[in-house]
Every structure is written in C-alpha cells, then in structure tokens.
C-alpha atoms as a PDB file:
ATOM      1  CA  MET A   1     -66.445  46.220  20.989  1.00  0.00           C
ATOM      2  CA  ASN A   2     -64.187  43.517  22.457  1.00  0.00           C
ATOM      3  CA  TYR A   3     -60.414  43.701  22.967  1.00  0.00           C
ATOM      4  CA  PHE A   4     -59.574  42.004  19.682  1.00  0.00           C
ATOM      5  CA  ALA A   5     -61.827  44.350  17.719  1.00  0.00           C
ATOM      6  CA  TYR A   6     -60.195  47.396  19.346  1.00  0.00           C
ATOM      7  CA  SER A   7     -56.749  45.971  18.545  1.00  0.00           C
ATOM      8  CA  ALA A   8     -57.635  45.379  14.903  1.00  0.00           C
ATOM      9  CA  LEU A   9     -59.072  48.885  14.586  1.00  0.00           C
ATOM     10  CA  PHE A  10     -55.954  50.414  16.164  1.00  0.00           C
ATOM     11  CA  ILE A  11     -53.648  48.513  13.807  1.00  0.00           C
ATOM     12  CA  SER A  12     -55.735  49.523  10.798  1.00  0.00           C
ATOM     13  CA  LEU A  13     -55.766  53.208  11.752  1.00  0.00           C
ATOM     14  CA  SER A  14     -52.051  53.129  12.571  1.00  0.00           C
ATOM     15  CA  THR A  15     -51.268  51.574   9.221  1.00  0.00           C
ATOM     16  CA  LEU A  16     -53.405  54.148   7.421  1.00  0.00           C
ATOM     17  CA  PHE A  17     -51.835  57.050   9.311  1.00  0.00           C
ATOM     18  CA  LEU A  18     -48.249  55.895   8.816  1.00  0.00           C
ATOM     19  CA  GLY A  19     -48.876  55.103   5.170  1.00  0.00           C
ATOM     20  CA  ALA A  20     -50.311  58.556   4.564  1.00  0.00           C
ATOM     21  CA  HIS A  21     -47.265  60.216   6.127  1.00  0.00           C
ATOM     22  CA  GLU A  22     -44.604  57.901   4.720  1.00  0.00           C
ATOM     23  CA  GLN A  23     -42.181  59.764   2.430  1.00  0.00           C
ATOM     24  CA  LYS A  24     -40.633  57.587  -0.236  1.00  0.00           C
ATOM     25  CA  GLU A  25     -37.200  58.425  -1.561  1.00  0.00           C
ATOM     26  CA  PRO A  26     -36.995  59.232  -5.266  1.00  0.00           C
ATOM     27  CA  PRO A  27     -36.256  56.116  -7.329  1.00  0.00           C
ATOM     28  CA  ILE A  28     -33.268  57.728  -9.038  1.00  0.00           C
ATOM     29  CA  LYS A  29     -30.381  59.001  -6.914  1.00  0.00           C
ATOM     30  CA  ALA A  30     -27.551  59.372  -9.405  1.00  0.00           C
ATOM     31  CA  ILE A  31     -26.529  60.001 -12.994  1.00  0.00           C
ATOM     32  CA  ILE A  32     -23.316  58.370 -14.159  1.00  0.00           C
ATOM     33  CA  PHE A  33     -21.816  59.677 -17.382  1.00  0.00           C
ATOM     34  CA  ASP A  34     -19.491  58.009 -19.835  1.00  0.00           C
ATOM     35  CA  LEU A  35     -16.664  60.365 -20.828  1.00  0.00           C
ATOM     36  CA  ASP A  36     -15.480  60.375 -24.429  1.00  0.00           C
ATOM     37  CA  GLY A  37     -18.361  61.137 -26.784  1.00  0.00           C
ATOM     38  CA  THR A  38     -20.717  61.746 -23.867  1.00  0.00           C
ATOM     39  CA  ILE A  39     -19.058  64.636 -22.048  1.00  0.00           C
ATOM     40  CA  VAL A  40     -16.159  65.647 -24.297  1.00  0.00           C
ATOM     41  CA  LYS A  41     -15.154  65.223 -27.948  1.00  0.00           C
ATOM     42  CA  THR A  42     -11.539  64.128 -28.095  1.00  0.00           C
ATOM     43  CA  GLY A  43     -10.895  62.960 -31.658  1.00  0.00           C
ATOM     44  CA  ALA A  44      -9.114  66.085 -32.921  1.00  0.00           C
ATOM     45  CA  PHE A  45      -7.310  66.531 -29.594  1.00  0.00           C
ATOM     46  CA  TRP A  46      -5.780  63.048 -29.640  1.00  0.00           C
ATOM     47  CA  ASN A  47      -4.704  63.404 -33.271  1.00  0.00           C
ATOM     48  CA  LYS A  48      -2.713  66.526 -32.452  1.00  0.00           C
ATOM     49  CA  TYR A  49      -1.463  65.087 -29.178  1.00  0.00           C
ATOM     50  CA  PHE A  50      -0.102  61.881 -30.721  1.00  0.00           C
ATOM     51  CA  SER A  51       1.458  63.848 -33.588  1.00  0.00           C
ATOM     52  CA  LEU A  52       3.329  65.892 -30.980  1.00  0.00           C
ATOM     53  CA  LEU A  53       4.342  62.681 -29.214  1.00  0.00           C
ATOM     54  CA  LEU A  54       5.945  61.378 -32.417  1.00  0.00           C
ATOM     55  CA  SER A  55       7.809  64.649 -32.873  1.00  0.00           C
ATOM     56  CA  ARG A  56       9.066  64.492 -29.293  1.00  0.00           C
ATOM     57  CA  TYR A  57      11.043  61.352 -30.205  1.00  0.00           C
ATOM     58  CA  GLY A  58      12.258  62.701 -33.533  1.00  0.00           C
ATOM     59  CA  ILE A  59       9.904  60.543 -35.588  1.00  0.00           C
ATOM     60  CA  ASN A  60       9.073  62.384 -38.788  1.00  0.00           C
ATOM     61  CA  LEU A  61       6.474  60.652 -40.942  1.00  0.00           C
ATOM     62  CA  SER A  62       5.041  61.650 -44.269  1.00  0.00           C
ATOM     63  CA  ALA A  63       1.547  63.146 -44.166  1.00  0.00           C
ATOM     64  CA  GLN A  64       0.096  59.876 -45.459  1.00  0.00           C
ATOM     65  CA  ASP A  65       2.043  57.669 -43.019  1.00  0.00           C
ATOM     66  CA  GLU A  66       1.110  59.901 -40.095  1.00  0.00           C
ATOM     67  CA  GLN A  67      -2.558  59.784 -41.065  1.00  0.00           C
ATOM     68  CA  GLU A  68      -2.392  55.986 -41.256  1.00  0.00           C
ATOM     69  CA  PHE A  69      -0.714  55.903 -37.840  1.00  0.00           C
ATOM     70  CA  LEU A  70      -3.407  58.133 -36.315  1.00  0.00           C
ATOM     71  CA  GLU A  71      -6.155  55.977 -37.821  1.00  0.00           C
ATOM     72  CA  ARG A  72      -4.519  52.874 -36.378  1.00  0.00           C
ATOM     73  CA  VAL A  73      -4.340  54.263 -32.826  1.00  0.00           C
ATOM     74  CA  LYS A  74      -7.803  55.818 -32.860  1.00  0.00           C
ATOM     75  CA  GLY A  75      -9.419  55.010 -29.522  1.00  0.00           C
ATOM     76  CA  TRP A  76      -6.162  53.828 -27.961  1.00  0.00           C
ATOM     77  CA  ALA A  77      -4.973  54.941 -24.537  1.00  0.00           C
ATOM     78  CA  PRO A  78      -1.678  56.879 -24.301  1.00  0.00           C
ATOM     79  CA  GLU A  79       0.005  53.872 -22.644  1.00  0.00           C
ATOM     80  CA  GLU A  80      -0.885  51.694 -25.626  1.00  0.00           C
ATOM     81  CA  VAL A  81       0.365  54.287 -28.094  1.00  0.00           C
ATOM     82  CA  CYS A  82       3.641  54.646 -26.193  1.00  0.00           C
ATOM     83  CA  ALA A  83       4.197  50.876 -26.368  1.00  0.00           C
ATOM     84  CA  LEU A  84       3.495  50.880 -30.110  1.00  0.00           C
ATOM     85  CA  VAL A  85       5.818  53.837 -30.760  1.00  0.00           C
ATOM     86  CA  LYS A  86       8.590  52.260 -28.668  1.00  0.00           C
ATOM     87  CA  ASP A  87       8.380  48.909 -30.490  1.00  0.00           C
ATOM     88  CA  THR A  88       7.795  50.241 -34.002  1.00  0.00           C
ATOM     89  CA  TYR A  89      10.361  53.057 -34.025  1.00  0.00           C
ATOM     90  CA  GLN A  90      12.901  51.579 -31.580  1.00  0.00           C
ATOM     91  CA  VAL A  91      12.596  54.387 -29.047  1.00  0.00           C
ATOM     92  CA  PRO A  92      15.264  53.747 -26.349  1.00  0.00           C
ATOM     93  CA  ASN A  93      13.238  55.372 -23.532  1.00  0.00           C
ATOM     94  CA  SER A  94      11.507  53.129 -21.009  1.00  0.00           C
ATOM     95  CA  LEU A  95       7.726  52.929 -21.084  1.00  0.00           C
ATOM     96  CA  GLU A  96       7.620  54.588 -17.674  1.00  0.00           C
ATOM     97  CA  SER A  97       9.667  57.486 -19.052  1.00  0.00           C
ATOM     98  CA  MET A  98       7.435  57.769 -22.110  1.00  0.00           C
ATOM     99  CA  GLU A  99       4.307  57.845 -19.964  1.00  0.00           C
ATOM    100  CA  GLN A 100       5.830  60.651 -17.916  1.00  0.00           C
ATOM    101  CA  ASP A 101       6.511  62.454 -21.188  1.00  0.00           C
ATOM    102  CA  CYS A 102       2.776  62.130 -21.930  1.00  0.00           C
ATOM    103  CA  ARG A 103       1.959  63.916 -18.684  1.00  0.00           C
ATOM    104  CA  GLU A 104       4.420  66.707 -19.406  1.00  0.00           C
ATOM    105  CA  LEU A 105       3.413  67.032 -23.042  1.00  0.00           C
ATOM    106  CA  VAL A 106      -0.184  67.993 -22.348  1.00  0.00           C
ATOM    107  CA  VAL A 107       0.907  70.696 -19.906  1.00  0.00           C
ATOM    108  CA  GLN A 108       3.796  72.147 -21.888  1.00  0.00           C
ATOM    109  CA  GLU A 109       2.480  72.085 -25.417  1.00  0.00           C
ATOM    110  CA  ASP A 110       0.165  74.827 -26.665  1.00  0.00           C
ATOM    111  CA  GLN A 111      -2.962  72.724 -27.043  1.00  0.00           C
ATOM    112  CA  GLU A 112      -6.517  73.964 -27.201  1.00  0.00           C
ATOM    113  CA  ASP A 113      -9.035  72.973 -24.548  1.00  0.00           C
ATOM    114  CA  ILE A 114     -11.065  69.901 -25.361  1.00  0.00           C
ATOM    115  CA  PRO A 115     -14.586  70.766 -26.560  1.00  0.00           C
ATOM    116  CA  PHE A 116     -17.611  69.488 -24.670  1.00  0.00           C
ATOM    117  CA  VAL A 117     -20.272  67.451 -26.449  1.00  0.00           C
ATOM    118  CA  ALA A 118     -23.048  69.697 -27.748  1.00  0.00           C
ATOM    119  CA  GLY A 119     -25.736  70.228 -25.125  1.00  0.00           C
ATOM    120  CA  PHE A 120     -23.816  68.657 -22.237  1.00  0.00           C
ATOM    121  CA  LYS A 121     -23.199  71.846 -20.279  1.00  0.00           C
ATOM    122  CA  THR A 122     -26.825  72.974 -20.545  1.00  0.00           C
ATOM    123  CA  PHE A 123     -28.100  69.538 -19.524  1.00  0.00           C
ATOM    124  CA  PHE A 124     -25.646  69.280 -16.638  1.00  0.00           C
ATOM    125  CA  ALA A 125     -26.636  72.723 -15.352  1.00  0.00           C
ATOM    126  CA  GLU A 126     -30.276  71.598 -15.399  1.00  0.00           C
ATOM    127  CA  VAL A 127     -29.795  68.277 -13.593  1.00  0.00           C
ATOM    128  CA  LYS A 128     -27.686  69.926 -10.898  1.00  0.00           C
ATOM    129  CA  ASN A 129     -30.938  71.562  -9.724  1.00  0.00           C
ATOM    130  CA  HIS A 130     -32.117  68.118  -8.606  1.00  0.00           C
ATOM    131  CA  SER A 131     -30.990  66.288  -5.492  1.00  0.00           C
ATOM    132  CA  LEU A 132     -28.828  63.840  -7.405  1.00  0.00           C
ATOM    133  CA  TYR A 133     -25.291  62.489  -7.237  1.00  0.00           C
ATOM    134  CA  PHE A 134     -23.047  62.626 -10.305  1.00  0.00           C
ATOM    135  CA  ALA A 135     -20.112  60.510 -11.414  1.00  0.00           C
ATOM    136  CA  ILE A 136     -18.073  59.499 -14.437  1.00  0.00           C
ATOM    137  CA  GLY A 137     -17.562  55.847 -15.389  1.00  0.00           C
ATOM    138  CA  THR A 138     -15.094  55.662 -18.257  1.00  0.00           C
ATOM    139  CA  ASN A 139     -13.162  53.070 -20.232  1.00  0.00           C
ATOM    140  CA  SER A 140     -10.291  55.539 -20.278  1.00  0.00           C
ATOM    141  CA  THR A 141      -7.153  54.644 -18.336  1.00  0.00           C
ATOM    142  CA  PHE A 142      -5.860  56.710 -15.428  1.00  0.00           C
ATOM    143  CA  LEU A 143      -3.175  58.300 -17.621  1.00  0.00           C
ATOM    144  CA  GLU A 144      -5.724  59.042 -20.318  1.00  0.00           C
ATOM    145  CA  LEU A 145      -7.968  60.705 -17.737  1.00  0.00           C
ATOM    146  CA  TYR A 146      -5.035  62.725 -16.423  1.00  0.00           C
ATOM    147  CA  VAL A 147      -4.308  64.070 -19.891  1.00  0.00           C
ATOM    148  CA  LEU A 148      -7.956  64.912 -20.590  1.00  0.00           C
ATOM    149  CA  ASN A 149      -8.451  66.509 -17.196  1.00  0.00           C
ATOM    150  CA  GLN A 150      -5.633  68.973 -17.825  1.00  0.00           C
ATOM    151  CA  ARG A 151      -7.657  70.438 -20.696  1.00  0.00           C
ATOM    152  CA  ALA A 152     -11.295  69.760 -19.806  1.00  0.00           C
ATOM    153  CA  HIS A 153     -11.027  70.317 -16.007  1.00  0.00           C
ATOM    154  CA  LEU A 154     -13.408  67.457 -15.295  1.00  0.00           C
ATOM    155  CA  ASP A 155     -12.677  67.457 -11.574  1.00  0.00           C
ATOM    156  CA  ASP A 156     -14.330  70.873 -11.386  1.00  0.00           C
ATOM    157  CA  LEU A 157     -17.608  69.158 -12.321  1.00  0.00           C
ATOM    158  CA  PHE A 158     -17.335  65.675 -10.791  1.00  0.00           C
ATOM    159  CA  GLU A 159     -16.119  64.515  -7.406  1.00  0.00           C
ATOM    160  CA  THR A 160     -16.313  60.848  -8.380  1.00  0.00           C
ATOM    161  CA  ILE A 161     -14.496  59.621 -11.499  1.00  0.00           C
ATOM    162  CA  CYS A 162     -13.870  55.902 -12.075  1.00  0.00           C
ATOM    163  CA  THR A 163     -11.608  54.649 -14.850  1.00  0.00           C
ATOM    164  CA  LYS A 164     -10.724  51.333 -16.442  1.00  0.00           C
ATOM    165  CA  SER A 165      -7.542  51.421 -14.363  1.00  0.00           C
ATOM    166  CA  ASP A 166      -9.647  51.225 -11.178  1.00  0.00           C
ATOM    167  CA  VAL A 167     -11.353  47.926 -12.026  1.00  0.00           C
ATOM    168  CA  GLU A 168     -10.472  44.425 -13.146  1.00  0.00           C
ATOM    169  CA  ASN A 169     -12.545  44.477 -16.336  1.00  0.00           C
ATOM    170  CA  GLY A 170     -13.348  47.364 -18.654  1.00  0.00           C
ATOM    171  CA  LYS A 171     -16.561  47.829 -20.604  1.00  0.00           C
ATOM    172  CA  PRO A 172     -18.652  45.950 -21.719  1.00  0.00           C
ATOM    173  CA  ALA A 173     -18.211  44.448 -18.242  1.00  0.00           C
ATOM    174  CA  PRO A 174     -20.223  46.394 -15.640  1.00  0.00           C
ATOM    175  CA  ASP A 175     -17.313  46.867 -13.207  1.00  0.00           C
ATOM    176  CA  VAL A 176     -16.670  50.584 -13.695  1.00  0.00           C
ATOM    177  CA  TYR A 177     -20.341  51.508 -13.328  1.00  0.00           C
ATOM    178  CA  LEU A 178     -20.798  49.324 -10.264  1.00  0.00           C
ATOM    179  CA  LEU A 179     -17.736  50.935  -8.687  1.00  0.00           C
ATOM    180  CA  ALA A 180     -19.050  54.435  -9.437  1.00  0.00           C
ATOM    181  CA  ALA A 181     -22.406  53.573  -7.846  1.00  0.00           C
ATOM    182  CA  GLN A 182     -20.670  52.137  -4.799  1.00  0.00           C
ATOM    183  CA  LYS A 183     -18.546  55.257  -4.352  1.00  0.00           C
ATOM    184  CA  ILE A 184     -21.524  57.600  -4.430  1.00  0.00           C
ATOM    185  CA  GLY A 185     -23.629  55.349  -2.210  1.00  0.00           C
ATOM    186  CA  ALA A 186     -26.329  54.372  -4.712  1.00  0.00           C
ATOM    187  CA  GLN A 187     -27.801  51.028  -5.707  1.00  0.00           C
ATOM    188  CA  PRO A 188     -27.610  50.097  -9.413  1.00  0.00           C
ATOM    189  CA  ALA A 189     -31.392  50.446  -9.802  1.00  0.00           C
ATOM    190  CA  GLU A 190     -31.109  54.004  -8.483  1.00  0.00           C
ATOM    191  CA  CYS A 191     -28.705  55.071 -11.246  1.00  0.00           C
ATOM    192  CA  ILE A 192     -29.107  56.452 -14.749  1.00  0.00           C
ATOM    193  CA  VAL A 193     -26.199  55.966 -17.133  1.00  0.00           C
ATOM    194  CA  ILE A 194     -25.668  58.173 -20.187  1.00  0.00           C
ATOM    195  CA  GLU A 195     -23.615  56.442 -22.886  1.00  0.00           C
ATOM    196  CA  ASP A 196     -22.720  56.809 -26.556  1.00  0.00           C
ATOM    197  CA  SER A 197     -21.110  53.445 -27.332  1.00  0.00           C
ATOM    198  CA  ALA A 198     -22.419  49.912 -27.793  1.00  0.00           C
ATOM    199  CA  SER A 199     -19.973  48.470 -25.241  1.00  0.00           C
ATOM    200  CA  GLY A 200     -20.903  51.179 -22.754  1.00  0.00           C
ATOM    201  CA  VAL A 201     -24.612  50.471 -23.122  1.00  0.00           C
ATOM    202  CA  LYS A 202     -23.925  46.767 -22.521  1.00  0.00           C
ATOM    203  CA  ALA A 203     -21.930  47.672 -19.407  1.00  0.00           C
ATOM    204  CA  ALA A 204     -24.734  49.837 -18.022  1.00  0.00           C
ATOM    205  CA  LYS A 205     -27.380  47.187 -18.663  1.00  0.00           C
ATOM    206  CA  ALA A 206     -25.172  44.461 -17.160  1.00  0.00           C
ATOM    207  CA  ALA A 207     -24.860  46.654 -14.062  1.00  0.00           C
ATOM    208  CA  GLY A 208     -28.658  46.776 -13.765  1.00  0.00           C
ATOM    209  CA  MET A 209     -28.904  50.489 -14.500  1.00  0.00           C
ATOM    210  CA  PHE A 210     -31.283  52.503 -16.663  1.00  0.00           C
ATOM    211  CA  CYS A 211     -29.353  53.591 -19.757  1.00  0.00           C
ATOM    212  CA  VAL A 212     -29.841  56.606 -22.017  1.00  0.00           C
ATOM    213  CA  GLY A 213     -28.077  56.118 -25.341  1.00  0.00           C
ATOM    214  CA  LEU A 214     -26.741  59.186 -27.155  1.00  0.00           C
ATOM    215  CA  ALA A 215     -26.962  58.252 -30.812  1.00  0.00           C
ATOM    216  CA  HIS A 216     -25.304  61.297 -32.399  1.00  0.00           C
ATOM    217  CA  GLY A 217     -27.035  60.292 -35.633  1.00  0.00           C
ATOM    218  CA  ASP A 218     -26.375  56.523 -35.321  1.00  0.00           C
ATOM    219  CA  LYS A 219     -29.219  54.971 -33.328  1.00  0.00           C
ATOM    220  CA  GLU A 220     -28.192  51.439 -34.320  1.00  0.00           C
ATOM    221  CA  ARG A 221     -25.027  51.792 -32.224  1.00  0.00           C
ATOM    222  CA  VAL A 222     -26.934  52.367 -28.962  1.00  0.00           C
ATOM    223  CA  LYS A 223     -30.146  50.510 -29.802  1.00  0.00           C
ATOM    224  CA  GLU A 224     -29.946  48.347 -26.668  1.00  0.00           C
ATOM    225  CA  ALA A 225     -30.313  51.377 -24.389  1.00  0.00           C
ATOM    226  CA  ASP A 226     -33.571  51.862 -22.465  1.00  0.00           C
ATOM    227  CA  LEU A 227     -33.982  55.281 -24.052  1.00  0.00           C
ATOM    228  CA  VAL A 228     -32.307  56.330 -27.314  1.00  0.00           C
ATOM    229  CA  VAL A 229     -31.937  60.018 -28.161  1.00  0.00           C
ATOM    230  CA  ASP A 230     -29.945  61.900 -30.761  1.00  0.00           C
ATOM    231  CA  GLY A 231     -28.569  64.419 -28.278  1.00  0.00           C
ATOM    232  CA  TYR A 232     -28.956  66.020 -24.874  1.00  0.00           C
ATOM    233  CA  GLU A 233     -31.662  68.380 -26.116  1.00  0.00           C
ATOM    234  CA  GLN A 234     -34.001  65.368 -26.398  1.00  0.00           C
ATOM    235  CA  ILE A 235     -33.587  64.297 -22.776  1.00  0.00           C
ATOM    236  CA  ASP A 236     -36.331  65.480 -20.432  1.00  0.00           C
ATOM    237  CA  ILE A 237     -34.893  64.810 -16.984  1.00  0.00           C
ATOM    238  CA  GLU A 238     -38.245  65.462 -15.291  1.00  0.00           C
ATOM    239  CA  GLU A 239     -39.880  62.700 -17.345  1.00  0.00           C
ATOM    240  CA  ILE A 240     -37.048  60.259 -16.687  1.00  0.00           C
ATOM    241  CA  LEU A 241     -37.162  60.855 -12.947  1.00  0.00           C
ATOM    242  CA  SER A 242     -40.932  60.374 -12.991  1.00  0.00           C
ATOM    243  CA  GLY A 243     -40.631  57.116 -14.909  1.00  0.00           C
ATOM    244  CA  VAL A 244     -42.220  58.439 -18.121  1.00  0.00           C
ATOM    245  CA  PHE A 245     -39.964  58.364 -21.149  1.00  0.00           C
ATOM    246  CA  THR A 246     -40.709  60.259 -24.354  1.00  0.00           C
ATOM    247  CA  VAL A 247     -38.418  61.671 -27.007  1.00  0.00           C
ATOM    248  CA  THR A 248     -38.698  65.221 -28.242  1.00  0.00           C
ATOM    249  CA  GLU A 249     -38.474  65.304 -32.018  1.00  0.00           C
END
C-alpha cells in the first residue's frame, strides 16, 4: 500500500473514530416563559389593586363606574393607570410620586398572593430535572414586575427576568425574547418559548424560537404557535426535547 493509500485510510479511520465519540449538545438549552397568563393569573389581583389605588387618592366611584374603569384599564401597566387617574380625576401628585405609591401599596395593603396558572408548578418542577436554563420574557413593565414579584416571588424561581422596560420594542416585536436568550447564553434556535397570547406567539416566532401556545380553551388565539396545547398537563417535555411533538388528549 503506497503512502497516499495509507494517508487516506488513516483519515477515514480517524473520521470514523472521532465521529463515533463526538458528543452533540442537546438542541434545546432553555425555556423562556411569558408571565401573565403563562405563569400567574393576575386579573382579580389587578382589579383589587387598582380599586385600592383609587381609594388612596380619595376617588369614590359607584359600583358601575368602578367596574367600567376596571374594564377600561384591563391589561394596562400601573404607570399607564396612574397617568389616566391623574388626568381624569385631577390628582395633584406627580406621576413619580404616584408610581412610588404603587410600590408601597402592594406591600402595605392586605392583598392575597397571586395564584399560579394551573399546572405551572408541576411542569416547572419536572423541567428543572433537565439541564436547561430558564427565563421570563414579559410585556410587563419594570414597575408592573415589581408589584407582581412582591406577591408571586418570581425571583425565587427565575434568575433571568426581562421586561418591556428593558427593550426598545415590546411584543409582538422579538426584542424581549432575544434579550432573554442573550442573557442566559443561548441561541434563538436553542430556546423554547411558552406563551398564551397572540402577540407573544408572534414575538417568539419572530425571534426564531420554537413556541408552545397555551390555549386555555381558545386555540384560535395561539394558532400560530408550533405546538398548541390547552394547558401544561398536555406538554410532554421529553417529546419536545427529542423533537417529537404530540398532544395528550
């Protein structure tokens, strides 16, 4: 066997040996969660919270007017509600002062803890057994997160939390998810996003991430997700990590 034949054989065997011993990293490194509707349920909490905020400034509305006010501000951040209250009811306090009141209100008032979305805690306990990173990417503002964290203690579960206040554009832009991936050291293709809103699904897909849509009975809302489930009990993390996606009925 001549020199060139020996060289070719050596290269072939080396390639075979190295290929057989090469260890590929798992394709998924991280799960990034939306917050409201994905981790916690905040509707009842915010209703009570904003009612207390009105009372703090001596604004007494009829039951019907208060209900209409709460419907109007549904989904609003505390900063936005403060601005509305200041303009509508001629509150003399500065916006900065009112936002500080928001921080104090959640600590001082006797409010119940915010409930977690059904199945989240069980699912989170399961996925923590895998070698994955976890983060939150939320359209909530920093003040909104502060208020929620006082009652849900999110920083006990997540080291990385990115808010709308941290980026230039909120959802459906991908900014908050791209920032979360950057902070935990993962590429977009290595991330799974769990979302419950149409704008959040669009943000995840625009970021180039695999998206699980939590329908909560409304699959149309999250139909653009890669995998649509009714709740956490239908997510099989082993199948997702292996690249096989089925839904448990």
